[in-house]
């Protein structure tokens, strides 16, 4: 929460977020933050020790927009960071996140996933912020593809999963990994289908930045309806 409260002090970070069509409401909703210096209280935990080692005492997270990864109860189980001057990412995951699965936007999307019995899955932080403006049951895997813990967690809440990955080589590789899953035999797919939605742009965030919200909303709803009728 300290990182979230510090964001309004940094105009360069706010300007970058605005350039990505991120609103003040989005900043609050996803608890986005920014920091020049990160300090993590020493609680003696193994996760804290790993964080200090893997991020070189927090320095690798400095000067980045921060994206907290929350579980279903709103607890932070990981932290992502993105530089604002070039495309550079750093992600730290607790052992719990690795075990039970993690997403960016899961806490915000979970009620909608349960209500609509479907989840939309994208790759990146800005992709989920963009697509959730139209489809609030959207989460991000923070990578290309869906790993086993993430897949199992989504199946606990819904029957339909719609993947909307980036239109590039990693996105296609992520799609192929899903198609090659050993438990996606024909009978299983009928009960727990994974479908694929392409927006025809590099990613959902770029689609929003190009079309702007009104046209983006109409465009996305038509694509979603074609892939998995509401």
C-alpha atoms as a PDB file:
ATOM      1  CA  UNK A   1       0.000   0.000   0.000  1.00  0.00           C
ATOM      2  CA  UNK A   2       2.964   2.348   0.576  1.00  0.00           C
ATOM      3  CA  UNK A   3       3.952   2.026  -3.075  1.00  0.00           C
ATOM      4  CA  UNK A   4       0.361   2.706  -4.111  1.00  0.00           C
ATOM      5  CA  UNK A   5       0.170   5.852  -1.992  1.00  0.00           C
ATOM      6  CA  UNK A   6       3.465   7.118  -3.404  1.00  0.00           C
ATOM      7  CA  UNK A   7       2.377   7.019  -7.057  1.00  0.00           C
ATOM      8  CA  UNK A   8       0.653  10.468  -7.165  1.00  0.00           C
ATOM      9  CA  UNK A   9       3.991  12.092  -6.246  1.00  0.00           C
ATOM     10  CA  UNK A  10       5.646  10.989  -9.486  1.00  0.00           C
ATOM     11  CA  UNK A  11       4.334  12.869 -12.514  1.00  0.00           C
ATOM     12  CA  UNK A  12       6.534  10.909 -14.923  1.00  0.00           C
ATOM     13  CA  UNK A  13       4.911   7.664 -13.774  1.00  0.00           C
ATOM     14  CA  UNK A  14       1.408   9.152 -14.018  1.00  0.00           C
ATOM     15  CA  UNK A  15       2.124  10.511 -17.499  1.00  0.00           C
ATOM     16  CA  UNK A  16       3.282   7.085 -18.634  1.00  0.00           C
ATOM     17  CA  UNK A  17       0.155   5.424 -17.279  1.00  0.00           C
ATOM     18  CA  UNK A  18      -2.081   7.995 -18.967  1.00  0.00           C
ATOM     19  CA  UNK A  19      -0.299   7.300 -22.256  1.00  0.00           C
ATOM     20  CA  UNK A  20      -1.346   3.658 -21.835  1.00  0.00           C
ATOM     21  CA  UNK A  21      -5.024   4.617 -21.296  1.00  0.00           C
ATOM     22  CA  UNK A  22      -4.827   3.843 -17.575  1.00  0.00           C
ATOM     23  CA  UNK A  23      -7.247   6.012 -15.599  1.00  0.00           C
ATOM     24  CA  UNK A  24      -7.178   7.165 -11.982  1.00  0.00           C
ATOM     25  CA  UNK A  25      -9.929   4.612 -11.334  1.00  0.00           C
ATOM     26  CA  UNK A  26      -7.708   1.858 -12.744  1.00  0.00           C
ATOM     27  CA  UNK A  27      -4.842   2.948 -10.495  1.00  0.00           C
ATOM     28  CA  UNK A  28      -7.058   2.614  -7.426  1.00  0.00           C
ATOM     29  CA  UNK A  29      -8.753  -0.593  -8.588  1.00  0.00           C
ATOM     30  CA  UNK A  30      -5.497  -2.461  -9.208  1.00  0.00           C
ATOM     31  CA  UNK A  31      -3.492  -0.728  -6.465  1.00  0.00           C
ATOM     32  CA  UNK A  32      -0.786   0.363  -8.881  1.00  0.00           C
ATOM     33  CA  UNK A  33       2.269   1.944  -7.357  1.00  0.00           C
ATOM     34  CA  UNK A  34       5.643   3.474  -8.108  1.00  0.00           C
ATOM     35  CA  UNK A  35       8.815   3.847  -6.141  1.00  0.00           C
ATOM     36  CA  UNK A  36      12.329   5.193  -6.427  1.00  0.00           C
ATOM     37  CA  UNK A  37      13.282   3.288  -3.276  1.00  0.00           C
ATOM     38  CA  UNK A  38      11.765   0.081  -1.922  1.00  0.00           C
ATOM     39  CA  UNK A  39      12.020  -0.978   1.718  1.00  0.00           C
ATOM     40  CA  UNK A  40      10.624  -4.279   2.953  1.00  0.00           C
ATOM     41  CA  UNK A  41      10.279  -4.789   6.733  1.00  0.00           C
ATOM     42  CA  UNK A  42      12.200  -7.779   8.027  1.00  0.00           C
ATOM     43  CA  UNK A  43       9.604 -10.248   9.307  1.00  0.00           C
ATOM     44  CA  UNK A  44      12.029 -13.162   9.308  1.00  0.00           C
ATOM     45  CA  UNK A  45      10.140 -14.988   6.566  1.00  0.00           C
ATOM     46  CA  UNK A  46      11.701 -17.033   3.793  1.00  0.00           C
ATOM     47  CA  UNK A  47       9.755 -15.055   1.208  1.00  0.00           C
ATOM     48  CA  UNK A  48      11.249 -11.810   2.485  1.00  0.00           C
ATOM     49  CA  UNK A  49      14.764 -13.294   2.350  1.00  0.00           C
ATOM     50  CA  UNK A  50      14.190 -14.461  -1.235  1.00  0.00           C
ATOM     51  CA  UNK A  51      12.794 -11.071  -2.230  1.00  0.00           C
ATOM     52  CA  UNK A  52      15.891  -9.302  -0.941  1.00  0.00           C
ATOM     53  CA  UNK A  53      18.188 -11.748  -2.744  1.00  0.00           C
ATOM     54  CA  UNK A  54      16.318 -11.981  -6.039  1.00  0.00           C
ATOM     55  CA  UNK A  55      15.785  -8.238  -6.379  1.00  0.00           C
ATOM     56  CA  UNK A  56      19.179  -7.263  -4.940  1.00  0.00           C
ATOM     57  CA  UNK A  57      17.652  -5.807  -1.780  1.00  0.00           C
ATOM     58  CA  UNK A  58      14.777  -4.284  -3.723  1.00  0.00           C
ATOM     59  CA  UNK A  59      16.924  -2.271  -6.117  1.00  0.00           C
ATOM     60  CA  UNK A  60      15.699  -4.202  -9.180  1.00  0.00           C
ATOM     61  CA  UNK A  61      12.165  -3.064  -8.359  1.00  0.00           C
ATOM     62  CA  UNK A  62      13.075   0.599  -8.031  1.00  0.00           C
ATOM     63  CA  UNK A  63      11.958   3.093 -10.658  1.00  0.00           C
ATOM     64  CA  UNK A  64       9.165   0.826 -11.866  1.00  0.00           C
ATOM     65  CA  UNK A  65       5.393   0.886 -11.960  1.00  0.00           C
ATOM     66  CA  UNK A  66       4.433  -1.809  -9.458  1.00  0.00           C
ATOM     67  CA  UNK A  67       1.604  -4.294  -9.923  1.00  0.00           C
ATOM     68  CA  UNK A  68       0.596  -6.294  -6.824  1.00  0.00           C
ATOM     69  CA  UNK A  69      -0.479  -9.884  -7.476  1.00  0.00           C
ATOM     70  CA  UNK A  70      -3.387 -10.614  -5.128  1.00  0.00           C
ATOM     71  CA  UNK A  71      -5.060 -13.857  -4.154  1.00  0.00           C
ATOM     72  CA  UNK A  72      -8.817 -14.299  -3.857  1.00  0.00           C
ATOM     73  CA  UNK A  73      -8.847 -12.675  -0.416  1.00  0.00           C
ATOM     74  CA  UNK A  74      -6.907  -9.623  -1.524  1.00  0.00           C
ATOM     75  CA  UNK A  75      -3.608 -10.650   0.043  1.00  0.00           C
ATOM     76  CA  UNK A  76      -0.416  -9.790  -1.838  1.00  0.00           C
ATOM     77  CA  UNK A  77       1.335 -12.976  -2.979  1.00  0.00           C
ATOM     78  CA  UNK A  78       3.639 -11.424  -5.537  1.00  0.00           C
ATOM     79  CA  UNK A  79       4.825  -8.173  -7.059  1.00  0.00           C
ATOM     80  CA  UNK A  80       5.486  -7.163 -10.638  1.00  0.00           C
ATOM     81  CA  UNK A  81       7.382  -4.139 -11.840  1.00  0.00           C
ATOM     82  CA  UNK A  82       7.742  -2.419 -15.220  1.00  0.00           C
ATOM     83  CA  UNK A  83      10.135   0.322 -16.151  1.00  0.00           C
ATOM     84  CA  UNK A  84       8.588   3.400 -17.740  1.00  0.00           C
ATOM     85  CA  UNK A  85      11.359   4.382 -20.139  1.00  0.00           C
ATOM     86  CA  UNK A  86      11.814   1.021 -21.837  1.00  0.00           C
ATOM     87  CA  UNK A  87      10.142  -2.383 -21.800  1.00  0.00           C
ATOM     88  CA  UNK A  88      11.686  -4.082 -18.791  1.00  0.00           C
ATOM     89  CA  UNK A  89       9.890  -6.379 -16.364  1.00  0.00           C
ATOM     90  CA  UNK A  90      10.693  -7.924 -13.001  1.00  0.00           C
ATOM     91  CA  UNK A  91       8.383 -10.284 -11.111  1.00  0.00           C
ATOM     92  CA  UNK A  92       8.687 -11.693  -7.623  1.00  0.00           C
ATOM     93  CA  UNK A  93       6.473 -14.566  -6.497  1.00  0.00           C
ATOM     94  CA  UNK A  94       6.026 -16.002  -3.022  1.00  0.00           C
ATOM     95  CA  UNK A  95       6.164 -19.759  -2.593  1.00  0.00           C
ATOM     96  CA  UNK A  96       2.381 -19.714  -2.092  1.00  0.00           C
ATOM     97  CA  UNK A  97       1.889 -18.044  -5.485  1.00  0.00           C
ATOM     98  CA  UNK A  98       3.953 -20.710  -7.200  1.00  0.00           C
ATOM     99  CA  UNK A  99       2.004 -23.466  -5.466  1.00  0.00           C
ATOM    100  CA  UNK A 100      -1.604 -22.318  -5.843  1.00  0.00           C
ATOM    101  CA  UNK A 101      -1.324 -20.211  -8.993  1.00  0.00           C
ATOM    102  CA  UNK A 102      -1.225 -16.453  -9.473  1.00  0.00           C
ATOM    103  CA  UNK A 103      -2.705 -13.817 -11.754  1.00  0.00           C
ATOM    104  CA  UNK A 104      -2.688 -10.070 -12.006  1.00  0.00           C
ATOM    105  CA  UNK A 105      -6.249  -8.851 -11.590  1.00  0.00           C
ATOM    106  CA  UNK A 106      -7.586 -12.061 -10.039  1.00  0.00           C
ATOM    107  CA  UNK A 107      -8.961 -10.454  -6.885  1.00  0.00           C
ATOM    108  CA  UNK A 108     -10.818  -7.833  -8.932  1.00  0.00           C
ATOM    109  CA  UNK A 109     -12.089 -10.333 -11.519  1.00  0.00           C
ATOM    110  CA  UNK A 110     -13.047 -13.252  -9.260  1.00  0.00           C
ATOM    111  CA  UNK A 111     -16.676 -12.194  -8.513  1.00  0.00           C
ATOM    112  CA  UNK A 112     -17.305 -11.649 -12.232  1.00  0.00           C
ATOM    113  CA  UNK A 113     -15.675 -14.952 -13.177  1.00  0.00           C
ATOM    114  CA  UNK A 114     -17.877 -16.802 -10.734  1.00  0.00           C
ATOM    115  CA  UNK A 115     -21.021 -14.942 -11.780  1.00  0.00           C
ATOM    116  CA  UNK A 116     -20.494 -15.353 -15.552  1.00  0.00           C
ATOM    117  CA  UNK A 117     -18.955 -18.855 -15.335  1.00  0.00           C
ATOM    118  CA  UNK A 118     -16.103 -17.785 -17.607  1.00  0.00           C
ATOM    119  CA  UNK A 119     -12.704 -16.137 -17.470  1.00  0.00           C
ATOM    120  CA  UNK A 120     -10.807 -14.187 -20.083  1.00  0.00           C
ATOM    121  CA  UNK A 121      -7.049 -14.669 -19.877  1.00  0.00           C
ATOM    122  CA  UNK A 122      -4.453 -12.260 -21.265  1.00  0.00           C
ATOM    123  CA  UNK A 123      -0.697 -12.040 -20.904  1.00  0.00           C
ATOM    124  CA  UNK A 124       0.281  -8.675 -19.488  1.00  0.00           C
ATOM    125  CA  UNK A 125      -0.539  -6.095 -16.837  1.00  0.00           C
ATOM    126  CA  UNK A 126      -1.776  -3.448 -19.249  1.00  0.00           C
ATOM    127  CA  UNK A 127      -3.695  -6.050 -21.251  1.00  0.00           C
ATOM    128  CA  UNK A 128      -5.862  -6.966 -18.263  1.00  0.00           C
ATOM    129  CA  UNK A 129      -6.446  -3.315 -17.369  1.00  0.00           C
ATOM    130  CA  UNK A 130      -7.551  -2.699 -20.970  1.00  0.00           C
ATOM    131  CA  UNK A 131      -9.770  -5.739 -21.543  1.00  0.00           C
ATOM    132  CA  UNK A 132     -11.373  -5.527 -18.089  1.00  0.00           C
ATOM    133  CA  UNK A 133     -12.864  -2.163 -19.064  1.00  0.00           C
ATOM    134  CA  UNK A 134     -15.209  -4.237 -21.245  1.00  0.00           C
ATOM    135  CA  UNK A 135     -14.938  -7.754 -19.790  1.00  0.00           C
ATOM    136  CA  UNK A 136     -14.409  -7.431 -16.021  1.00  0.00           C
ATOM    137  CA  UNK A 137     -13.817 -11.178 -15.665  1.00  0.00           C
ATOM    138  CA  UNK A 138     -10.312 -10.809 -17.147  1.00  0.00           C
ATOM    139  CA  UNK A 139      -7.028 -11.876 -15.543  1.00  0.00           C
ATOM    140  CA  UNK A 140      -3.402 -11.822 -16.687  1.00  0.00           C
ATOM    141  CA  UNK A 141      -0.975 -14.729 -16.428  1.00  0.00           C
ATOM    142  CA  UNK A 142       2.031 -12.342 -16.527  1.00  0.00           C
ATOM    143  CA  UNK A 143       3.534 -14.608 -19.182  1.00  0.00           C
ATOM    144  CA  UNK A 144       2.489 -16.323 -22.393  1.00  0.00           C
ATOM    145  CA  UNK A 145       0.369 -19.398 -21.773  1.00  0.00           C
ATOM    146  CA  UNK A 146      -1.363 -20.785 -18.698  1.00  0.00           C
ATOM    147  CA  UNK A 147       0.594 -22.958 -16.274  1.00  0.00           C
ATOM    148  CA  UNK A 148      -0.920 -25.892 -14.397  1.00  0.00           C
ATOM    149  CA  UNK A 149      -1.649 -24.119 -11.069  1.00  0.00           C
ATOM    150  CA  UNK A 150      -3.264 -21.207 -12.928  1.00  0.00           C
ATOM    151  CA  UNK A 151      -5.365 -23.562 -15.039  1.00  0.00           C
ATOM    152  CA  UNK A 152      -6.493 -25.555 -12.013  1.00  0.00           C
ATOM    153  CA  UNK A 153      -7.403 -22.404 -10.094  1.00  0.00           C
ATOM    154  CA  UNK A 154      -9.556 -21.045 -12.916  1.00  0.00           C
ATOM    155  CA  UNK A 155     -11.364 -24.358 -13.243  1.00  0.00           C
ATOM    156  CA  UNK A 156     -12.445 -24.032  -9.617  1.00  0.00           C
ATOM    157  CA  UNK A 157     -14.481 -20.939 -10.496  1.00  0.00           C
ATOM    158  CA  UNK A 158     -15.678 -21.406 -14.071  1.00  0.00           C
ATOM    159  CA  UNK A 159     -16.214 -23.813 -16.939  1.00  0.00           C
ATOM    160  CA  UNK A 160     -15.290 -21.551 -19.846  1.00  0.00           C
ATOM    161  CA  UNK A 161     -11.805 -20.071 -20.321  1.00  0.00           C
ATOM    162  CA  UNK A 162     -11.140 -17.722 -23.227  1.00  0.00           C
ATOM    163  CA  UNK A 163      -7.457 -17.020 -23.928  1.00  0.00           C
ATOM    164  CA  UNK A 164      -6.587 -13.760 -25.686  1.00  0.00           C
ATOM    165  CA  UNK A 165      -2.816 -13.869 -26.065  1.00  0.00           C
ATOM    166  CA  UNK A 166      -0.485 -11.480 -27.859  1.00  0.00           C
ATOM    167  CA  UNK A 167      -0.271 -11.737 -31.640  1.00  0.00           C
ATOM    168  CA  UNK A 168       3.403 -12.688 -31.686  1.00  0.00           C
ATOM    169  CA  UNK A 169       5.609 -15.774 -31.462  1.00  0.00           C
ATOM    170  CA  UNK A 170       5.436 -16.130 -27.640  1.00  0.00           C
ATOM    171  CA  UNK A 171       1.660 -15.731 -27.752  1.00  0.00           C
ATOM    172  CA  UNK A 172       1.355 -18.441 -30.385  1.00  0.00           C
ATOM    173  CA  UNK A 173       3.683 -20.691 -28.377  1.00  0.00           C
ATOM    174  CA  UNK A 174       1.482 -20.176 -25.321  1.00  0.00           C
ATOM    175  CA  UNK A 175      -1.554 -21.195 -27.354  1.00  0.00           C
ATOM    176  CA  UNK A 176       0.189 -24.343 -28.546  1.00  0.00           C
ATOM    177  CA  UNK A 177       1.167 -25.295 -24.993  1.00  0.00           C
ATOM    178  CA  UNK A 178      -2.503 -25.131 -24.028  1.00  0.00           C
ATOM    179  CA  UNK A 179      -3.526 -27.228 -27.016  1.00  0.00           C
ATOM    180  CA  UNK A 180      -0.897 -29.807 -26.118  1.00  0.00           C
ATOM    181  CA  UNK A 181      -2.021 -30.240 -22.505  1.00  0.00           C
ATOM    182  CA  UNK A 182      -2.297 -33.917 -21.674  1.00  0.00           C
ATOM    183  CA  UNK A 183      -5.695 -33.513 -19.967  1.00  0.00           C
ATOM    184  CA  UNK A 184      -7.406 -31.663 -22.801  1.00  0.00           C
ATOM    185  CA  UNK A 185      -8.727 -34.788 -24.492  1.00  0.00           C
ATOM    186  CA  UNK A 186     -11.979 -34.356 -26.403  1.00  0.00           C
ATOM    187  CA  UNK A 187     -14.236 -35.429 -23.545  1.00  0.00           C
ATOM    188  CA  UNK A 188     -12.540 -33.100 -21.077  1.00  0.00           C
ATOM    189  CA  UNK A 189     -12.709 -30.158 -23.494  1.00  0.00           C
ATOM    190  CA  UNK A 190     -16.460 -30.562 -23.655  1.00  0.00           C
ATOM    191  CA  UNK A 191     -16.712 -30.036 -19.901  1.00  0.00           C
ATOM    192  CA  UNK A 192     -13.949 -27.454 -19.446  1.00  0.00           C
ATOM    193  CA  UNK A 193     -13.399 -25.794 -22.829  1.00  0.00           C
ATOM    194  CA  UNK A 194     -10.574 -23.393 -23.497  1.00  0.00           C
ATOM    195  CA  UNK A 195     -11.298 -21.123 -26.416  1.00  0.00           C
ATOM    196  CA  UNK A 196      -9.137 -18.574 -28.165  1.00  0.00           C
ATOM    197  CA  UNK A 197      -9.945 -14.988 -29.081  1.00  0.00           C
ATOM    198  CA  UNK A 198      -7.795 -12.819 -31.344  1.00  0.00           C
ATOM    199  CA  UNK A 199      -8.307  -9.066 -31.533  1.00  0.00           C
ATOM    200  CA  UNK A 200      -6.105  -8.654 -34.600  1.00  0.00           C
ATOM    201  CA  UNK A 201      -3.791  -6.225 -32.780  1.00  0.00           C
ATOM    202  CA  UNK A 202      -0.478  -6.877 -31.045  1.00  0.00           C
ATOM    203  CA  UNK A 203      -2.273  -7.176 -27.714  1.00  0.00           C
ATOM    204  CA  UNK A 204      -5.426  -5.856 -25.964  1.00  0.00           C
ATOM    205  CA  UNK A 205      -3.582  -2.832 -24.571  1.00  0.00           C
ATOM    206  CA  UNK A 206      -2.428  -1.744 -28.026  1.00  0.00           C
ATOM    207  CA  UNK A 207      -5.961  -2.316 -29.337  1.00  0.00           C
ATOM    208  CA  UNK A 208      -7.362   0.065 -26.708  1.00  0.00           C
ATOM    209  CA  UNK A 209      -4.668   2.660 -27.340  1.00  0.00           C
ATOM    210  CA  UNK A 210      -5.449   2.559 -31.077  1.00  0.00           C
ATOM    211  CA  UNK A 211      -9.263   2.479 -31.031  1.00  0.00           C
ATOM    212  CA  UNK A 212      -9.946   4.404 -27.790  1.00  0.00           C
ATOM    213  CA  UNK A 213     -12.559   3.241 -25.328  1.00  0.00           C
ATOM    214  CA  UNK A 214     -15.900   3.633 -27.134  1.00  0.00           C
ATOM    215  CA  UNK A 215     -14.807   1.854 -30.315  1.00  0.00           C
ATOM    216  CA  UNK A 216     -12.747  -0.639 -28.298  1.00  0.00           C
ATOM    217  CA  UNK A 217     -15.797  -1.626 -26.245  1.00  0.00           C
ATOM    218  CA  UNK A 218     -17.925  -2.306 -29.322  1.00  0.00           C
ATOM    219  CA  UNK A 219     -15.090  -4.184 -31.045  1.00  0.00           C
ATOM    220  CA  UNK A 220     -14.292  -6.419 -28.060  1.00  0.00           C
ATOM    221  CA  UNK A 221     -17.912  -7.301 -27.339  1.00  0.00           C
ATOM    222  CA  UNK A 222     -18.371  -8.446 -30.936  1.00  0.00           C
ATOM    223  CA  UNK A 223     -15.225 -10.591 -30.771  1.00  0.00           C
ATOM    224  CA  UNK A 224     -16.206 -12.126 -27.438  1.00  0.00           C
ATOM    225  CA  UNK A 225     -19.722 -12.878 -28.646  1.00  0.00           C
ATOM    226  CA  UNK A 226     -18.343 -14.668 -31.713  1.00  0.00           C
ATOM    227  CA  UNK A 227     -15.972 -16.840 -29.649  1.00  0.00           C
ATOM    228  CA  UNK A 228     -18.183 -17.686 -26.674  1.00  0.00           C
ATOM    229  CA  UNK A 229     -21.765 -16.341 -26.835  1.00  0.00           C
ATOM    230  CA  UNK A 230     -22.932 -14.774 -23.584  1.00  0.00           C
END
